[in-house]
Every structure is written in C-alpha cells, then in structure tokens.
C-alpha cells in the first residue's frame, strides 16, 4: 500500500500519484536550475550575505569558487536524476526513480545541516531563527515531495513483483 494516495505537489493537488511525481520531478529540475543561476551569480561577485542563501558567508575571491562549483555539480546531477525520473515515471521503471530518491535524501540532510549551522552559529541574531524556520520548511517540502515519489515507487514495485506459481506440489504424486 502506498504511503499517500493523493499528493499536494509543490504547486497543485493531484489525485494521481503518478502525475504528482511528474510535478515533483519538474519542481526539482526548476529548483536546480535556480541553484545553478544563483551559484554563477555569487561566483561572479554577487551578494551572498543573506541568511537564506546556500552560499551564505562565502568569500567571492576564495570560498565561493569551491562552494559554488560544488553546488553547480550537485544541481547538475539533480537535473540529470530529475530527467531520468521523468522517464522512469513515464515507463514505470523503478531503477530510474531510485537515483533521484537517493539524491533527495542527501539534499534534505544537507538542507537540514545548513539550517542547524545557521541557527547554532548566529543564535544571538533573531534573523537566524527566522532563517532556520524558513530553511526547515524548505526541508519539510522536500521530504513531502520525497514521500510522494516514494508512494509511486512502492506502487510500481507492487505491480512489478513476480508472480511465482509452483509447478510441483508435494501433495500430488506425479
């Protein structure tokens, strides 16, 4: 049985888990493109002093290059896995969905760790508490999207189970 029957994906309610999973794939693809654009902006000298930004407290001369490069690679992999997941959803192939699920778990863990770092490092600043709440809401959205896709994954897994029928029965003497 799937974890969810219906899903509020990032922008619309879907009664079908398959359509909701497609919307989640499009959402993660769009968020990854935004992450790449933001990383390039910061690496070219843009502002990175907001609590909410993933490149908070990076120096444009040194650390922004490495952190931004890592974020660009992470987002490119996420884009690839999102496209792969779209093909997996269309063809109902579990192996194409699994890489996205692993990447999303890593993403949720890194978002949560970043939020905790902001809260613990700047606990005297009230904006850090607000930033922590916003970051945790973002992490909760990603976890909800993961559960939506996981529900579809389990549904596909249920229908792809092999049905093994024994050809030999011990009760009968052949």
N, C-alpha and C. Protein backbone atom coordinates (compact mmCIF):
# COMPACT_ATOMS: atom_id res chain seq x y z
N UNK A 1 0.85 -1.18 0.00
CA UNK A 1 0.00 0.00 0.00
C UNK A 1 0.89 1.24 0.00
N UNK A 2 0.59 2.21 -0.85
CA UNK A 2 1.41 3.41 -0.89
C UNK A 2 1.26 4.25 0.37
N UNK A 3 2.27 5.06 0.63
CA UNK A 3 2.25 5.94 1.80
C UNK A 3 1.16 6.99 1.65
N UNK A 4 0.99 7.53 0.44
CA UNK A 4 -0.02 8.55 0.16
C UNK A 4 -0.85 8.12 -1.05
N UNK A 5 -2.11 8.44 -1.01
CA UNK A 5 -2.99 8.17 -2.15
C UNK A 5 -3.07 9.38 -3.08
N UNK A 6 -3.09 10.58 -2.49
CA UNK A 6 -3.09 11.83 -3.25
C UNK A 6 -1.93 12.68 -2.76
N UNK A 7 -1.60 13.70 -3.53
CA UNK A 7 -0.41 14.48 -3.18
C UNK A 7 -0.61 15.94 -3.54
N UNK A 8 -0.27 16.81 -2.60
CA UNK A 8 -0.15 18.23 -2.89
C UNK A 8 1.29 18.43 -3.32
N UNK A 9 1.52 18.41 -4.60
CA UNK A 9 2.88 18.65 -5.07
C UNK A 9 3.18 20.13 -4.87
N UNK A 10 4.35 20.59 -5.23
CA UNK A 10 4.72 21.97 -4.90
C UNK A 10 3.74 23.05 -5.34
N UNK A 11 2.92 22.81 -6.33
CA UNK A 11 2.04 23.90 -6.75
C UNK A 11 0.59 23.49 -7.00
N UNK A 12 0.23 22.23 -6.95
CA UNK A 12 -1.13 21.83 -7.30
C UNK A 12 -1.46 20.51 -6.61
N UNK A 13 -2.74 20.26 -6.40
CA UNK A 13 -3.18 18.99 -5.81
C UNK A 13 -3.43 17.98 -6.92
N UNK A 14 -2.88 16.80 -6.73
CA UNK A 14 -3.05 15.73 -7.69
C UNK A 14 -3.72 14.55 -7.00
N UNK A 15 -4.71 13.96 -7.66
CA UNK A 15 -5.33 12.77 -7.10
C UNK A 15 -4.59 11.51 -7.54
N UNK A 16 -3.74 11.64 -8.53
CA UNK A 16 -2.97 10.52 -9.04
C UNK A 16 -1.51 10.71 -8.62
N UNK A 17 -0.95 9.70 -7.99
CA UNK A 17 0.44 9.77 -7.52
C UNK A 17 1.41 9.88 -8.69
N UNK A 18 1.07 9.28 -9.82
CA UNK A 18 1.96 9.32 -10.98
C UNK A 18 2.10 10.75 -11.50
N UNK A 19 1.01 11.46 -11.63
CA UNK A 19 1.06 12.85 -12.10
C UNK A 19 1.75 13.74 -11.08
N UNK A 20 1.51 13.49 -9.81
CA UNK A 20 2.17 14.27 -8.76
C UNK A 20 3.68 14.05 -8.78
N UNK A 21 4.11 12.83 -9.05
CA UNK A 21 5.54 12.54 -9.12
C UNK A 21 6.18 13.25 -10.31
N UNK A 22 5.45 13.35 -11.41
CA UNK A 22 5.95 14.12 -12.55
C UNK A 22 6.12 15.59 -12.18
N UNK A 23 5.16 16.13 -11.43
CA UNK A 23 5.25 17.53 -10.99
C UNK A 23 6.42 17.73 -10.03
N UNK A 24 6.67 16.76 -9.17
CA UNK A 24 7.81 16.84 -8.26
C UNK A 24 9.12 16.82 -9.04
N UNK A 25 9.19 16.00 -10.08
CA UNK A 25 10.39 15.97 -10.92
C UNK A 25 10.61 17.31 -11.60
N UNK A 26 9.53 17.92 -12.09
CA UNK A 26 9.65 19.24 -12.72
C UNK A 26 10.06 20.30 -11.69
N UNK A 27 9.54 20.19 -10.48
CA UNK A 27 9.90 21.13 -9.41
C UNK A 27 11.38 21.03 -9.07
N UNK A 28 11.89 19.81 -8.89
CA UNK A 28 13.30 19.68 -8.53
C UNK A 28 14.20 20.11 -9.68
N UNK A 29 13.75 19.90 -10.90
CA UNK A 29 14.52 20.38 -12.05
C UNK A 29 14.58 21.90 -12.04
N UNK A 30 13.45 22.56 -11.79
CA UNK A 30 13.42 24.02 -11.77
C UNK A 30 14.24 24.59 -10.61
N UNK A 31 14.16 23.97 -9.43
CA UNK A 31 14.94 24.43 -8.28
C UNK A 31 16.43 24.27 -8.56
N UNK A 32 16.81 23.21 -9.24
CA UNK A 32 18.22 23.00 -9.56
C UNK A 32 18.73 24.05 -10.54
N UNK A 33 17.91 24.42 -11.51
CA UNK A 33 18.30 25.48 -12.45
C UNK A 33 18.47 26.79 -11.70
N UNK A 34 17.56 27.09 -10.78
CA UNK A 34 17.68 28.31 -9.98
C UNK A 34 18.95 28.26 -9.13
N UNK A 35 19.28 27.10 -8.57
CA UNK A 35 20.50 26.96 -7.79
C UNK A 35 21.75 27.20 -8.61
N UNK A 36 21.76 26.74 -9.85
CA UNK A 36 22.91 26.97 -10.74
C UNK A 36 23.03 28.45 -11.07
N UNK A 37 21.92 29.09 -11.39
CA UNK A 37 21.95 30.52 -11.72
C UNK A 37 22.43 31.33 -10.52
N UNK A 38 21.96 30.99 -9.33
CA UNK A 38 22.39 31.70 -8.12
C UNK A 38 23.88 31.48 -7.86
N UNK A 39 24.35 30.27 -8.05
CA UNK A 39 25.78 29.99 -7.83
C UNK A 39 26.65 30.78 -8.78
N UNK A 40 26.26 30.83 -10.03
CA UNK A 40 27.04 31.60 -11.01
C UNK A 40 27.01 33.08 -10.64
N UNK A 41 25.87 33.57 -10.21
CA UNK A 41 25.74 34.96 -9.78
C UNK A 41 26.70 35.28 -8.63
N UNK A 42 26.75 34.41 -7.63
CA UNK A 42 27.64 34.65 -6.49
C UNK A 42 29.10 34.51 -6.90
N UNK A 43 29.40 33.55 -7.75
CA UNK A 43 30.78 33.35 -8.18
C UNK A 43 31.30 34.51 -9.03
N UNK A 44 30.39 35.23 -9.68
CA UNK A 44 30.80 36.39 -10.47
C UNK A 44 30.80 37.68 -9.67
N UNK A 45 30.65 37.58 -8.35
CA UNK A 45 30.75 38.76 -7.50
C UNK A 45 29.44 39.24 -6.92
N UNK A 46 28.39 38.46 -7.02
CA UNK A 46 27.09 38.85 -6.48
C UNK A 46 27.05 38.78 -4.96
N UNK A 47 25.96 39.24 -4.40
CA UNK A 47 25.80 39.30 -2.95
C UNK A 47 25.47 37.91 -2.41
N UNK A 48 26.18 37.51 -1.35
CA UNK A 48 25.91 36.22 -0.72
C UNK A 48 25.77 36.38 0.79
N UNK A 49 25.27 37.52 1.23
CA UNK A 49 25.23 37.80 2.67
C UNK A 49 23.87 37.54 3.31
N UNK A 50 22.91 36.95 2.58
CA UNK A 50 21.62 36.65 3.17
C UNK A 50 21.69 35.34 3.94
N UNK A 51 20.95 35.28 5.04
CA UNK A 51 20.90 34.05 5.83
C UNK A 51 20.31 32.90 5.03
N UNK A 52 19.42 33.19 4.11
CA UNK A 52 18.67 32.15 3.43
C UNK A 52 19.43 31.50 2.29
N UNK A 53 20.47 32.16 1.79
CA UNK A 53 21.19 31.65 0.63
C UNK A 53 22.08 30.47 0.95
N UNK A 54 22.20 29.54 0.01
CA UNK A 54 23.04 28.38 0.26
C UNK A 54 24.53 28.71 0.29
N UNK A 55 24.91 29.84 -0.25
CA UNK A 55 26.32 30.25 -0.24
C UNK A 55 26.54 31.39 0.75
N UNK A 56 25.83 31.33 1.88
CA UNK A 56 25.96 32.34 2.92
C UNK A 56 27.37 32.32 3.48
N UNK A 57 27.94 33.50 3.65
CA UNK A 57 29.29 33.70 4.19
C UNK A 57 30.39 33.12 3.33
N UNK A 58 30.22 33.13 2.04
CA UNK A 58 31.32 32.72 1.16
C UNK A 58 32.01 33.96 0.65
N UNK A 59 33.31 33.89 0.57
CA UNK A 59 34.13 34.97 0.07
C UNK A 59 34.19 34.85 -1.45
N UNK A 60 33.93 35.93 -2.17
CA UNK A 60 33.88 35.86 -3.63
C UNK A 60 35.24 35.55 -4.24
N UNK A 61 36.32 35.79 -3.50
CA UNK A 61 37.65 35.51 -4.04
C UNK A 61 38.09 34.07 -3.84
N UNK A 62 37.68 33.45 -2.75
CA UNK A 62 38.21 32.12 -2.43
C UNK A 62 37.13 31.05 -2.32
N UNK A 63 36.35 31.12 -1.27
CA UNK A 63 35.45 30.02 -0.96
C UNK A 63 34.24 29.92 -1.88
N UNK A 64 33.83 31.02 -2.49
CA UNK A 64 32.67 30.98 -3.39
C UNK A 64 32.95 30.11 -4.61
N UNK A 65 34.19 30.08 -5.05
CA UNK A 65 34.52 29.26 -6.22
C UNK A 65 34.33 27.77 -5.92
N UNK A 66 34.80 27.34 -4.77
CA UNK A 66 34.70 25.92 -4.43
C UNK A 66 33.27 25.54 -4.03
N UNK A 67 32.67 26.34 -3.17
CA UNK A 67 31.30 26.04 -2.74
C UNK A 67 30.32 26.17 -3.91
N UNK A 68 30.50 27.20 -4.73
CA UNK A 68 29.65 27.38 -5.90
C UNK A 68 29.84 26.27 -6.92
N UNK A 69 31.08 25.86 -7.12
CA UNK A 69 31.35 24.74 -8.03
C UNK A 69 30.70 23.45 -7.55
N UNK A 70 30.80 23.21 -6.24
CA UNK A 70 30.15 22.02 -5.67
C UNK A 70 28.64 22.10 -5.85
N UNK A 71 28.06 23.28 -5.60
CA UNK A 71 26.61 23.44 -5.75
C UNK A 71 26.18 23.27 -7.21
N UNK A 72 26.98 23.76 -8.14
CA UNK A 72 26.66 23.59 -9.56
C UNK A 72 26.69 22.11 -9.94
N UNK A 73 27.72 21.40 -9.50
CA UNK A 73 27.81 19.96 -9.80
C UNK A 73 26.64 19.21 -9.16
N UNK A 74 26.33 19.55 -7.91
CA UNK A 74 25.21 18.91 -7.21
C UNK A 74 23.90 19.15 -7.96
N UNK A 75 23.69 20.38 -8.41
CA UNK A 75 22.45 20.71 -9.13
C UNK A 75 22.41 20.06 -10.51
N UNK A 76 23.55 19.96 -11.19
CA UNK A 76 23.58 19.28 -12.49
C UNK A 76 23.24 17.80 -12.34
N UNK A 77 23.76 17.18 -11.29
CA UNK A 77 23.41 15.78 -11.03
C UNK A 77 21.92 15.66 -10.72
N UNK A 78 21.41 16.61 -9.94
CA UNK A 78 19.98 16.61 -9.60
C UNK A 78 19.12 16.79 -10.85
N UNK A 79 19.55 17.64 -11.77
CA UNK A 79 18.82 17.81 -13.03
C UNK A 79 18.81 16.51 -13.81
N UNK A 80 19.97 15.86 -13.90
CA UNK A 80 20.04 14.58 -14.60
C UNK A 80 19.14 13.53 -13.98
N UNK A 81 19.14 13.46 -12.65
CA UNK A 81 18.29 12.48 -11.97
C UNK A 81 16.81 12.84 -12.10
N UNK A 82 16.49 14.13 -12.17
CA UNK A 82 15.08 14.53 -12.36
C UNK A 82 14.59 14.13 -13.75
N UNK A 83 15.43 14.33 -14.75
CA UNK A 83 15.05 13.91 -16.11
C UNK A 83 14.94 12.40 -16.18
N UNK A 84 15.88 11.71 -15.55
CA UNK A 84 15.83 10.25 -15.50
C UNK A 84 14.56 9.78 -14.80
N UNK A 85 14.17 10.49 -13.74
CA UNK A 85 12.95 10.12 -13.03
C UNK A 85 11.71 10.35 -13.90
N UNK A 86 11.71 11.41 -14.71
CA UNK A 86 10.58 11.63 -15.61
C UNK A 86 10.42 10.46 -16.58
N UNK A 87 11.54 9.97 -17.11
CA UNK A 87 11.48 8.79 -17.99
C UNK A 87 11.03 7.56 -17.21
N UNK A 88 11.51 7.42 -15.98
CA UNK A 88 11.12 6.28 -15.16
C UNK A 88 9.65 6.29 -14.80
N UNK A 89 9.11 7.48 -14.57
CA UNK A 89 7.68 7.58 -14.26
C UNK A 89 6.85 7.26 -15.50
N UNK A 90 7.27 7.77 -16.64
CA UNK A 90 6.52 7.53 -17.87
C UNK A 90 6.50 6.04 -18.24
N UNK A 91 7.64 5.37 -18.02
CA UNK A 91 7.74 3.95 -18.39
C UNK A 91 7.52 3.01 -17.21
N UNK A 92 7.34 3.59 -16.02
CA UNK A 92 7.17 2.84 -14.78
C UNK A 92 8.32 1.88 -14.53
N UNK A 93 9.53 2.45 -14.54
CA UNK A 93 10.75 1.70 -14.26
C UNK A 93 11.31 2.20 -12.94
N UNK A 94 11.38 1.32 -11.95
CA UNK A 94 11.83 1.72 -10.62
C UNK A 94 13.29 2.16 -10.61
N UNK A 95 14.12 1.53 -11.41
CA UNK A 95 15.55 1.85 -11.42
C UNK A 95 15.85 3.27 -11.85
N UNK A 96 14.96 3.88 -12.59
CA UNK A 96 15.16 5.27 -13.00
C UNK A 96 14.72 6.25 -11.92
N UNK A 97 13.92 5.80 -10.98
CA UNK A 97 13.42 6.67 -9.91
C UNK A 97 14.36 6.66 -8.71
N UNK A 98 15.01 5.55 -8.48
CA UNK A 98 15.85 5.38 -7.29
C UNK A 98 17.00 6.39 -7.16
N UNK A 99 17.73 6.75 -8.23
CA UNK A 99 18.79 7.76 -8.06
C UNK A 99 18.27 9.10 -7.57
N UNK A 100 17.10 9.51 -8.05
CA UNK A 100 16.51 10.76 -7.58
C UNK A 100 16.18 10.67 -6.10
N UNK A 101 15.69 9.53 -5.66
CA UNK A 101 15.34 9.36 -4.25
C UNK A 101 16.58 9.45 -3.36
N UNK A 102 17.68 8.85 -3.79
CA UNK A 102 18.92 8.93 -3.02
C UNK A 102 19.43 10.36 -2.98
N UNK A 103 19.41 11.04 -4.12
CA UNK A 103 19.86 12.44 -4.19
C UNK A 103 18.98 13.33 -3.31
N UNK A 104 17.70 13.07 -3.25
CA UNK A 104 16.80 13.88 -2.43
C UNK A 104 17.08 13.68 -0.94
N UNK A 105 17.39 12.46 -0.54
CA UNK A 105 17.76 12.23 0.86
C UNK A 105 19.02 13.02 1.21
N UNK A 106 20.01 13.00 0.32
CA UNK A 106 21.22 13.79 0.55
C UNK A 106 20.91 15.28 0.59
N UNK A 107 20.03 15.73 -0.28
CA UNK A 107 19.64 17.14 -0.30
C UNK A 107 18.94 17.54 0.99
N UNK A 108 18.01 16.71 1.46
CA UNK A 108 17.30 17.02 2.72
C UNK A 108 18.26 17.06 3.89
N UNK A 109 19.21 16.13 3.92
CA UNK A 109 20.18 16.13 5.02
C UNK A 109 21.06 17.37 4.97
N UNK A 110 21.48 17.79 3.78
CA UNK A 110 22.34 18.97 3.69
C UNK A 110 21.56 20.25 4.00
N UNK A 111 20.31 20.33 3.58
CA UNK A 111 19.49 21.50 3.91
C UNK A 111 19.28 21.59 5.42
N UNK A 112 19.00 20.46 6.05
CA UNK A 112 18.80 20.45 7.50
C UNK A 112 20.09 20.81 8.23
N UNK A 113 21.22 20.29 7.77
CA UNK A 113 22.50 20.62 8.40
C UNK A 113 22.82 22.10 8.24
N UNK A 114 22.52 22.67 7.08
CA UNK A 114 22.76 24.09 6.87
C UNK A 114 21.88 24.93 7.79
N UNK A 115 20.62 24.54 7.93
CA UNK A 115 19.73 25.27 8.83
C UNK A 115 20.19 25.22 10.27
N UNK A 116 20.64 24.06 10.71
CA UNK A 116 21.16 23.94 12.07
C UNK A 116 22.44 24.75 12.25
N UNK A 117 23.28 24.78 11.22
CA UNK A 117 24.51 25.58 11.29
C UNK A 117 24.19 27.06 11.42
N UNK A 118 23.22 27.54 10.64
CA UNK A 118 22.82 28.95 10.74
C UNK A 118 22.29 29.26 12.13
N UNK A 119 21.46 28.39 12.66
CA UNK A 119 20.87 28.62 13.98
C UNK A 119 21.94 28.58 15.08
N UNK A 120 22.82 27.61 15.03
CA UNK A 120 23.83 27.48 16.10
C UNK A 120 24.92 28.54 16.00
N UNK A 121 25.27 28.95 14.80
CA UNK A 121 26.35 29.93 14.64
C UNK A 121 25.90 31.35 14.95
N UNK A 122 24.65 31.66 14.70
CA UNK A 122 24.15 33.03 14.85
C UNK A 122 22.95 33.07 15.79
N UNK A 123 23.02 32.35 16.90
CA UNK A 123 21.88 32.24 17.81
C UNK A 123 21.51 33.56 18.46
N UNK A 124 22.41 34.54 18.49
CA UNK A 124 22.08 35.82 19.11
C UNK A 124 21.30 36.72 18.16
N UNK A 125 21.33 36.42 16.89
CA UNK A 125 20.64 37.23 15.89
C UNK A 125 19.24 36.64 15.67
N UNK A 126 18.21 37.47 15.79
CA UNK A 126 16.85 36.99 15.63
C UNK A 126 16.56 36.54 14.20
N UNK A 127 17.24 37.13 13.22
CA UNK A 127 17.05 36.72 11.84
C UNK A 127 17.48 35.27 11.62
N UNK A 128 18.43 34.80 12.41
CA UNK A 128 18.87 33.41 12.24
C UNK A 128 17.76 32.43 12.62
N UNK A 129 16.95 32.79 13.59
CA UNK A 129 15.82 31.92 13.97
C UNK A 129 14.80 31.89 12.83
N UNK A 130 14.52 33.05 12.26
CA UNK A 130 13.59 33.11 11.13
C UNK A 130 14.16 32.34 9.93
N UNK A 131 15.46 32.51 9.68
CA UNK A 131 16.09 31.77 8.58
C UNK A 131 16.02 30.27 8.82
N UNK A 132 16.24 29.87 10.07
CA UNK A 132 16.16 28.45 10.42
C UNK A 132 14.77 27.90 10.14
N UNK A 133 13.74 28.66 10.50
CA UNK A 133 12.36 28.21 10.26
C UNK A 133 12.08 28.09 8.76
N UNK A 134 12.53 29.06 7.99
CA UNK A 134 12.32 29.02 6.54
C UNK A 134 13.07 27.84 5.92
N UNK A 135 14.30 27.62 6.36
CA UNK A 135 15.10 26.52 5.82
C UNK A 135 14.48 25.17 6.20
N UNK A 136 13.97 25.06 7.42
CA UNK A 136 13.32 23.80 7.83
C UNK A 136 12.01 23.57 7.07
N UNK A 137 11.28 24.64 6.76
CA UNK A 137 10.08 24.49 5.93
C UNK A 137 10.44 24.01 4.53
N UNK A 138 11.55 24.52 4.01
CA UNK A 138 12.03 24.06 2.70
C UNK A 138 12.41 22.58 2.76
N UNK A 139 13.08 22.19 3.84
CA UNK A 139 13.44 20.78 4.01
C UNK A 139 12.18 19.92 4.16
N UNK A 140 11.18 20.41 4.87
CA UNK A 140 9.93 19.67 5.02
C UNK A 140 9.23 19.49 3.67
N UNK A 141 9.28 20.51 2.82
CA UNK A 141 8.70 20.40 1.49
C UNK A 141 9.41 19.32 0.68
N UNK A 142 10.73 19.28 0.77
CA UNK A 142 11.48 18.25 0.05
C UNK A 142 11.17 16.85 0.58
N UNK A 143 10.99 16.73 1.89
CA UNK A 143 10.63 15.44 2.47
C UNK A 143 9.24 15.02 2.00
N UNK A 144 8.31 15.97 1.93
CA UNK A 144 6.96 15.66 1.45
C UNK A 144 7.00 15.22 -0.02
N UNK A 145 7.79 15.92 -0.82
CA UNK A 145 7.93 15.53 -2.23
C UNK A 145 8.55 14.13 -2.33
N UNK A 146 9.51 13.85 -1.46
CA UNK A 146 10.12 12.52 -1.44
C UNK A 146 9.07 11.45 -1.11
N UNK A 147 8.21 11.73 -0.14
CA UNK A 147 7.17 10.77 0.23
C UNK A 147 6.18 10.54 -0.92
N UNK A 148 5.92 11.59 -1.67
CA UNK A 148 5.04 11.46 -2.83
C UNK A 148 5.66 10.52 -3.87
N UNK A 149 6.92 10.74 -4.17
CA UNK A 149 7.60 9.89 -5.15
C UNK A 149 7.79 8.47 -4.59
N UNK A 150 8.06 8.37 -3.30
CA UNK A 150 8.21 7.06 -2.68
C UNK A 150 6.90 6.27 -2.75
N UNK A 151 5.77 6.95 -2.64
CA UNK A 151 4.48 6.27 -2.79
C UNK A 151 4.32 5.70 -4.19
N UNK A 152 4.71 6.48 -5.19
CA UNK A 152 4.64 5.97 -6.56
C UNK A 152 5.62 4.82 -6.75
N UNK A 153 6.80 4.94 -6.16
CA UNK A 153 7.81 3.89 -6.26
C UNK A 153 7.27 2.57 -5.69
N UNK A 154 6.61 2.64 -4.53
CA UNK A 154 6.05 1.43 -3.92
C UNK A 154 4.90 0.87 -4.74
N UNK A 155 4.12 1.76 -5.36
CA UNK A 155 3.02 1.30 -6.21
C UNK A 155 3.56 0.55 -7.42
N UNK A 156 4.61 1.10 -8.03
CA UNK A 156 5.22 0.43 -9.18
C UNK A 156 5.85 -0.89 -8.74
N UNK A 157 6.49 -0.89 -7.58
CA UNK A 157 7.12 -2.10 -7.07
C UNK A 157 6.09 -3.20 -6.83
N UNK A 158 4.92 -2.80 -6.34
CA UNK A 158 3.86 -3.79 -6.08
C UNK A 158 3.40 -4.45 -7.38
N UNK A 159 3.29 -3.66 -8.44
CA UNK A 159 2.81 -4.21 -9.70
C UNK A 159 3.91 -4.96 -10.46
N UNK A 160 5.16 -4.73 -10.11
CA UNK A 160 6.25 -5.41 -10.80
C UNK A 160 6.76 -6.64 -10.06
N UNK A 161 6.10 -7.01 -8.97
CA UNK A 161 6.53 -8.21 -8.24
C UNK A 161 6.26 -9.43 -9.11
N UNK A 162 7.21 -10.33 -9.11
CA UNK A 162 6.97 -11.54 -9.90
C UNK A 162 5.93 -12.43 -9.22
N UNK A 163 5.11 -13.03 -10.02
CA UNK A 163 4.09 -13.95 -9.51
C UNK A 163 4.58 -15.36 -9.81
N UNK A 164 5.15 -15.99 -8.80
CA UNK A 164 5.74 -17.31 -8.99
C UNK A 164 4.71 -18.37 -8.60
N UNK A 165 4.42 -19.22 -9.53
CA UNK A 165 3.47 -20.30 -9.30
C UNK A 165 4.25 -21.61 -9.23
N UNK A 166 4.11 -22.34 -8.14
CA UNK A 166 4.85 -23.61 -8.05
C UNK A 166 4.29 -24.63 -9.04
N UNK A 167 5.19 -25.28 -9.75
CA UNK A 167 4.78 -26.28 -10.73
C UNK A 167 4.73 -27.67 -10.12
N UNK A 168 5.31 -27.82 -8.99
CA UNK A 168 5.34 -29.12 -8.33
C UNK A 168 4.67 -28.99 -6.98
N UNK A 169 3.74 -29.86 -6.71
CA UNK A 169 3.05 -29.84 -5.43
C UNK A 169 3.33 -31.16 -4.72
N UNK A 170 3.67 -31.08 -3.45
CA UNK A 170 4.06 -32.26 -2.69
C UNK A 170 2.87 -33.19 -2.42
N UNK A 171 1.66 -32.67 -2.43
CA UNK A 171 0.50 -33.49 -2.11
C UNK A 171 0.18 -34.50 -3.20
N UNK A 172 0.45 -34.11 -4.42
CA UNK A 172 0.11 -34.98 -5.53
C UNK A 172 1.31 -35.81 -5.94
N UNK A 173 1.05 -37.03 -6.28
CA UNK A 173 2.11 -37.91 -6.76
C UNK A 173 2.03 -37.94 -8.28
N UNK A 174 3.03 -37.39 -8.89
CA UNK A 174 3.01 -37.29 -10.36
C UNK A 174 3.58 -38.51 -10.98
